C-alpha atoms as a PDB file:
ATOM      1  CA  UNK A   1       8.404  -2.885 -37.468  1.00  0.00           C
ATOM      2  CA  UNK A   2      11.383  -1.096 -39.019  1.00  0.00           C
ATOM      3  CA  UNK A   3      13.601   1.404 -37.233  1.00  0.00           C
ATOM      4  CA  UNK A   4      16.090   3.016 -39.654  1.00  0.00           C
ATOM      5  CA  UNK A   5      19.644   2.695 -38.376  1.00  0.00           C
ATOM      6  CA  UNK A   6      18.756   0.319 -35.516  1.00  0.00           C
ATOM      7  CA  UNK A   7      19.379  -3.387 -35.934  1.00  0.00           C
ATOM      8  CA  UNK A   8      17.148  -5.991 -34.282  1.00  0.00           C
ATOM      9  CA  UNK A   9      20.029  -6.919 -31.998  1.00  0.00           C
ATOM     10  CA  UNK A  10      20.500  -3.313 -30.900  1.00  0.00           C
ATOM     11  CA  UNK A  11      16.758  -2.889 -30.351  1.00  0.00           C
ATOM     12  CA  UNK A  12      16.671  -6.101 -28.284  1.00  0.00           C
ATOM     13  CA  UNK A  13      19.566  -4.872 -26.136  1.00  0.00           C
ATOM     14  CA  UNK A  14      17.825  -1.532 -25.590  1.00  0.00           C
ATOM     15  CA  UNK A  15      14.609  -3.277 -24.516  1.00  0.00           C
ATOM     16  CA  UNK A  16      16.496  -5.554 -22.115  1.00  0.00           C
ATOM     17  CA  UNK A  17      18.198  -2.548 -20.544  1.00  0.00           C
ATOM     18  CA  UNK A  18      14.899  -0.670 -20.265  1.00  0.00           C
ATOM     19  CA  UNK A  19      12.995  -3.582 -18.705  1.00  0.00           C
ATOM     20  CA  UNK A  20      15.450  -5.616 -16.585  1.00  0.00           C
ATOM     21  CA  UNK A  21      12.766  -6.537 -14.039  1.00  0.00           C
ATOM     22  CA  UNK A  22      10.750  -8.580 -16.527  1.00  0.00           C
ATOM     23  CA  UNK A  23      10.570 -12.139 -15.303  1.00  0.00           C
ATOM     24  CA  UNK A  24      11.889 -14.923 -17.489  1.00  0.00           C
ATOM     25  CA  UNK A  25       9.914 -18.105 -16.926  1.00  0.00           C
ATOM     26  CA  UNK A  26      10.466 -21.601 -18.253  1.00  0.00           C
ATOM     27  CA  UNK A  27       8.866 -24.978 -17.626  1.00  0.00           C
ATOM     28  CA  UNK A  28      11.120 -27.447 -15.819  1.00  0.00           C
ATOM     29  CA  UNK A  29      10.976 -31.037 -14.645  1.00  0.00           C
ATOM     30  CA  UNK A  30      10.609 -31.892 -10.962  1.00  0.00           C
ATOM     31  CA  UNK A  31      14.112 -33.400 -11.053  1.00  0.00           C
ATOM     32  CA  UNK A  32      15.498 -29.896 -11.774  1.00  0.00           C
ATOM     33  CA  UNK A  33      14.236 -28.457  -8.471  1.00  0.00           C
ATOM     34  CA  UNK A  34      16.754 -27.706  -5.722  1.00  0.00           C
ATOM     35  CA  UNK A  35      16.529 -30.143  -2.779  1.00  0.00           C
ATOM     36  CA  UNK A  36      15.320 -27.363  -0.453  1.00  0.00           C
ATOM     37  CA  UNK A  37      12.380 -26.624  -2.777  1.00  0.00           C
ATOM     38  CA  UNK A  38      11.618 -30.325  -3.253  1.00  0.00           C
ATOM     39  CA  UNK A  39      11.430 -30.719   0.534  1.00  0.00           C
ATOM     40  CA  UNK A  40       8.695 -28.048   0.794  1.00  0.00           C
ATOM     41  CA  UNK A  41       6.474 -29.399  -1.980  1.00  0.00           C
ATOM     42  CA  UNK A  42       4.737 -32.188   0.017  1.00  0.00           C
ATOM     43  CA  UNK A  43       3.393 -29.698   2.571  1.00  0.00           C
ATOM     44  CA  UNK A  44       2.413 -27.144  -0.080  1.00  0.00           C
ATOM     45  CA  UNK A  45       0.704 -29.688  -2.341  1.00  0.00           C
ATOM     46  CA  UNK A  46      -1.210 -31.624   0.323  1.00  0.00           C
ATOM     47  CA  UNK A  47      -4.650 -32.516  -1.069  1.00  0.00           C
ATOM     48  CA  UNK A  48      -3.771 -31.089  -4.496  1.00  0.00           C
ATOM     49  CA  UNK A  49      -2.771 -32.396  -7.903  1.00  0.00           C
ATOM     50  CA  UNK A  50       0.604 -31.151  -9.149  1.00  0.00           C
ATOM     51  CA  UNK A  51       0.222 -29.720 -12.668  1.00  0.00           C
ATOM     52  CA  UNK A  52       3.806 -28.634 -13.315  1.00  0.00           C
ATOM     53  CA  UNK A  53       6.889 -26.681 -12.346  1.00  0.00           C
ATOM     54  CA  UNK A  54       8.471 -23.438 -13.541  1.00  0.00           C
ATOM     55  CA  UNK A  55      11.745 -21.675 -12.954  1.00  0.00           C
ATOM     56  CA  UNK A  56      11.615 -17.881 -12.988  1.00  0.00           C
ATOM     57  CA  UNK A  57      14.415 -15.350 -13.003  1.00  0.00           C
ATOM     58  CA  UNK A  58      13.565 -11.876 -11.814  1.00  0.00           C
ATOM     59  CA  UNK A  59      16.025  -9.125 -10.908  1.00  0.00           C
ATOM     60  CA  UNK A  60      18.866 -11.660 -10.972  1.00  0.00           C
ATOM     61  CA  UNK A  61      17.180 -13.981  -8.470  1.00  0.00           C
ATOM     62  CA  UNK A  62      15.914 -17.483  -9.274  1.00  0.00           C
ATOM     63  CA  UNK A  63      12.506 -18.667  -8.087  1.00  0.00           C
ATOM     64  CA  UNK A  64      10.647 -21.954  -8.439  1.00  0.00           C
ATOM     65  CA  UNK A  65       6.914 -22.315  -8.911  1.00  0.00           C
ATOM     66  CA  UNK A  66       4.717 -25.356  -8.417  1.00  0.00           C
ATOM     67  CA  UNK A  67       1.378 -25.230 -10.245  1.00  0.00           C
ATOM     68  CA  UNK A  68      -1.389 -27.021  -8.370  1.00  0.00           C
ATOM     69  CA  UNK A  69      -5.039 -27.866  -8.821  1.00  0.00           C
ATOM     70  CA  UNK A  70      -7.021 -28.219  -5.609  1.00  0.00           C
ATOM     71  CA  UNK A  71     -10.767 -28.824  -5.375  1.00  0.00           C
ATOM     72  CA  UNK A  72     -11.206 -27.631  -8.974  1.00  0.00           C
ATOM     73  CA  UNK A  73      -9.280 -24.368  -8.684  1.00  0.00           C
ATOM     74  CA  UNK A  74      -5.695 -23.331  -9.373  1.00  0.00           C
ATOM     75  CA  UNK A  75      -3.017 -22.534  -6.822  1.00  0.00           C
ATOM     76  CA  UNK A  76       0.542 -21.476  -7.695  1.00  0.00           C
ATOM     77  CA  UNK A  77       3.227 -21.450  -5.006  1.00  0.00           C
ATOM     78  CA  UNK A  78       6.414 -19.467  -5.697  1.00  0.00           C
ATOM     79  CA  UNK A  79       9.526 -20.280  -3.648  1.00  0.00           C
ATOM     80  CA  UNK A  80      13.097 -19.057  -3.570  1.00  0.00           C
ATOM     81  CA  UNK A  81      16.006 -21.494  -3.921  1.00  0.00           C
ATOM     82  CA  UNK A  82      16.050 -22.066  -0.138  1.00  0.00           C
ATOM     83  CA  UNK A  83      12.442 -23.326  -0.235  1.00  0.00           C
ATOM     84  CA  UNK A  84      10.973 -20.236   1.438  1.00  0.00           C
ATOM     85  CA  UNK A  85       7.478 -19.477   0.127  1.00  0.00           C
ATOM     86  CA  UNK A  86       7.571 -16.039  -1.467  1.00  0.00           C
ATOM     87  CA  UNK A  87       4.102 -15.799  -3.011  1.00  0.00           C
ATOM     88  CA  UNK A  88       0.904 -17.816  -3.354  1.00  0.00           C
ATOM     89  CA  UNK A  89      -1.669 -17.130  -6.051  1.00  0.00           C
ATOM     90  CA  UNK A  90      -4.908 -18.997  -5.424  1.00  0.00           C
ATOM     91  CA  UNK A  91      -8.064 -18.892  -7.486  1.00  0.00           C
ATOM     92  CA  UNK A  92     -11.117 -17.720  -5.569  1.00  0.00           C
ATOM     93  CA  UNK A  93     -14.786 -17.461  -6.507  1.00  0.00           C
ATOM     94  CA  UNK A  94     -15.882 -13.901  -7.231  1.00  0.00           C
ATOM     95  CA  UNK A  95     -19.073 -14.386  -5.228  1.00  0.00           C
ATOM     96  CA  UNK A  96     -17.026 -15.416  -2.157  1.00  0.00           C
ATOM     97  CA  UNK A  97     -15.388 -11.988  -1.925  1.00  0.00           C
ATOM     98  CA  UNK A  98     -16.532  -9.030   0.133  1.00  0.00           C
ATOM     99  CA  UNK A  99     -18.740  -6.446  -1.548  1.00  0.00           C
ATOM    100  CA  UNK A 100     -15.880  -3.896  -1.420  1.00  0.00           C
ATOM    101  CA  UNK A 101     -13.486  -6.247  -3.253  1.00  0.00           C
ATOM    102  CA  UNK A 102     -16.094  -7.263  -5.870  1.00  0.00           C
ATOM    103  CA  UNK A 103     -16.999  -3.630  -6.542  1.00  0.00           C
ATOM    104  CA  UNK A 104     -13.320  -2.612  -6.655  1.00  0.00           C
ATOM    105  CA  UNK A 105     -12.466  -5.340  -9.162  1.00  0.00           C
ATOM    106  CA  UNK A 106     -15.459  -4.490 -11.349  1.00  0.00           C
ATOM    107  CA  UNK A 107     -14.587  -0.780 -11.268  1.00  0.00           C
ATOM    108  CA  UNK A 108     -10.988  -1.602 -12.255  1.00  0.00           C
ATOM    109  CA  UNK A 109     -12.245  -3.932 -15.010  1.00  0.00           C
ATOM    110  CA  UNK A 110     -14.446  -1.212 -16.499  1.00  0.00           C
ATOM    111  CA  UNK A 111     -16.418  -2.724 -19.378  1.00  0.00           C
ATOM    112  CA  UNK A 112     -14.313  -5.890 -19.231  1.00  0.00           C
ATOM    113  CA  UNK A 113     -15.721  -9.235 -18.154  1.00  0.00           C
ATOM    114  CA  UNK A 114     -14.053 -10.801 -15.112  1.00  0.00           C
ATOM    115  CA  UNK A 115     -13.192 -14.405 -16.006  1.00  0.00           C
ATOM    116  CA  UNK A 116     -10.957 -15.436 -13.087  1.00  0.00           C
ATOM    117  CA  UNK A 117      -9.970 -14.019  -9.696  1.00  0.00           C
ATOM    118  CA  UNK A 118      -6.928 -14.948  -7.599  1.00  0.00           C
ATOM    119  CA  UNK A 119      -5.847 -13.946  -4.130  1.00  0.00           C
ATOM    120  CA  UNK A 120      -2.178 -12.907  -3.875  1.00  0.00           C
ATOM    121  CA  UNK A 121      -0.422 -13.732  -0.626  1.00  0.00           C
ATOM    122  CA  UNK A 122       3.172 -12.677   0.057  1.00  0.00           C
ATOM    123  CA  UNK A 123       5.100 -13.831   3.113  1.00  0.00           C
ATOM    124  CA  UNK A 124       1.884 -15.196   4.593  1.00  0.00           C
ATOM    125  CA  UNK A 125      -0.095 -11.960   4.204  1.00  0.00           C
ATOM    126  CA  UNK A 126      -2.930 -11.280   1.742  1.00  0.00           C
ATOM    127  CA  UNK A 127      -1.738  -8.302  -0.328  1.00  0.00           C
ATOM    128  CA  UNK A 128      -4.122  -8.157  -3.304  1.00  0.00           C
ATOM    129  CA  UNK A 129      -6.779  -9.697  -5.481  1.00  0.00           C
ATOM    130  CA  UNK A 130      -6.048 -10.025  -9.169  1.00  0.00           C
ATOM    131  CA  UNK A 131      -8.736 -10.455 -11.808  1.00  0.00           C
ATOM    132  CA  UNK A 132      -8.217 -11.654 -15.344  1.00  0.00           C
ATOM    133  CA  UNK A 133     -10.552  -9.736 -17.608  1.00  0.00           C
ATOM    134  CA  UNK A 134     -11.579  -9.868 -21.241  1.00  0.00           C
ATOM    135  CA  UNK A 135     -12.497  -6.668 -23.068  1.00  0.00           C
ATOM    136  CA  UNK A 136     -13.372  -6.817 -26.768  1.00  0.00           C
ATOM    137  CA  UNK A 137     -11.565 -10.159 -27.046  1.00  0.00           C
ATOM    138  CA  UNK A 138      -8.369  -8.894 -25.382  1.00  0.00           C
ATOM    139  CA  UNK A 139      -7.114 -10.299 -22.078  1.00  0.00           C
ATOM    140  CA  UNK A 140      -5.733  -8.149 -19.271  1.00  0.00           C
ATOM    141  CA  UNK A 141      -5.302  -8.197 -15.501  1.00  0.00           C
ATOM    142  CA  UNK A 142      -6.395  -5.738 -12.823  1.00  0.00           C
ATOM    143  CA  UNK A 143      -5.596  -5.690  -9.115  1.00  0.00           C
ATOM    144  CA  UNK A 144      -7.121  -4.254  -5.970  1.00  0.00           C
ATOM    145  CA  UNK A 145      -6.021  -4.421  -2.357  1.00  0.00           C
ATOM    146  CA  UNK A 146      -7.664  -6.613   0.274  1.00  0.00           C
ATOM    147  CA  UNK A 147      -9.957  -3.654   1.012  1.00  0.00           C
ATOM    148  CA  UNK A 148     -11.108  -3.407  -2.635  1.00  0.00           C
ATOM    149  CA  UNK A 149      -9.249  -0.158  -3.320  1.00  0.00           C
ATOM    150  CA  UNK A 150      -6.910   0.316  -6.279  1.00  0.00           C
ATOM    151  CA  UNK A 151      -3.254  -0.244  -5.524  1.00  0.00           C
ATOM    152  CA  UNK A 152      -0.542   2.374  -5.932  1.00  0.00           C
ATOM    153  CA  UNK A 153       1.658  -0.325  -7.471  1.00  0.00           C
ATOM    154  CA  UNK A 154       1.117  -3.803  -8.889  1.00  0.00           C
ATOM    155  CA  UNK A 155       1.873  -6.676  -6.549  1.00  0.00           C
END
């Protein structure tokens, strides 16, 4: 894409200023985790296989994520540097959800095919369900609240 009079560097700076909340994520080794996060992992990963670790920066704050596999499904636990659990995303079976949630996700997906559903828990409270969908070969995500209704904002 070419923008006359705007260099790539200038365009990059503009985009960074427009979207400062975008998370920056990178894979890390377990040895790079803060001690407080490392201390929480045994309890969070009990009965699971650890798949990997990520460090995320969002709005100037650093978070750490442990990717788990438990009983054949995924579970991602996001913690702050003090080891406090901020968010848990856990794969759930579509047929295990209430009728309201299933119908809400399908309505949000439109003609898309739901390929994966996760529950989103923040500070110990279920806040949303997120479905990964495929429409005409393109992937996207949709969310509904625990009651199956569309959310005013993405969680």
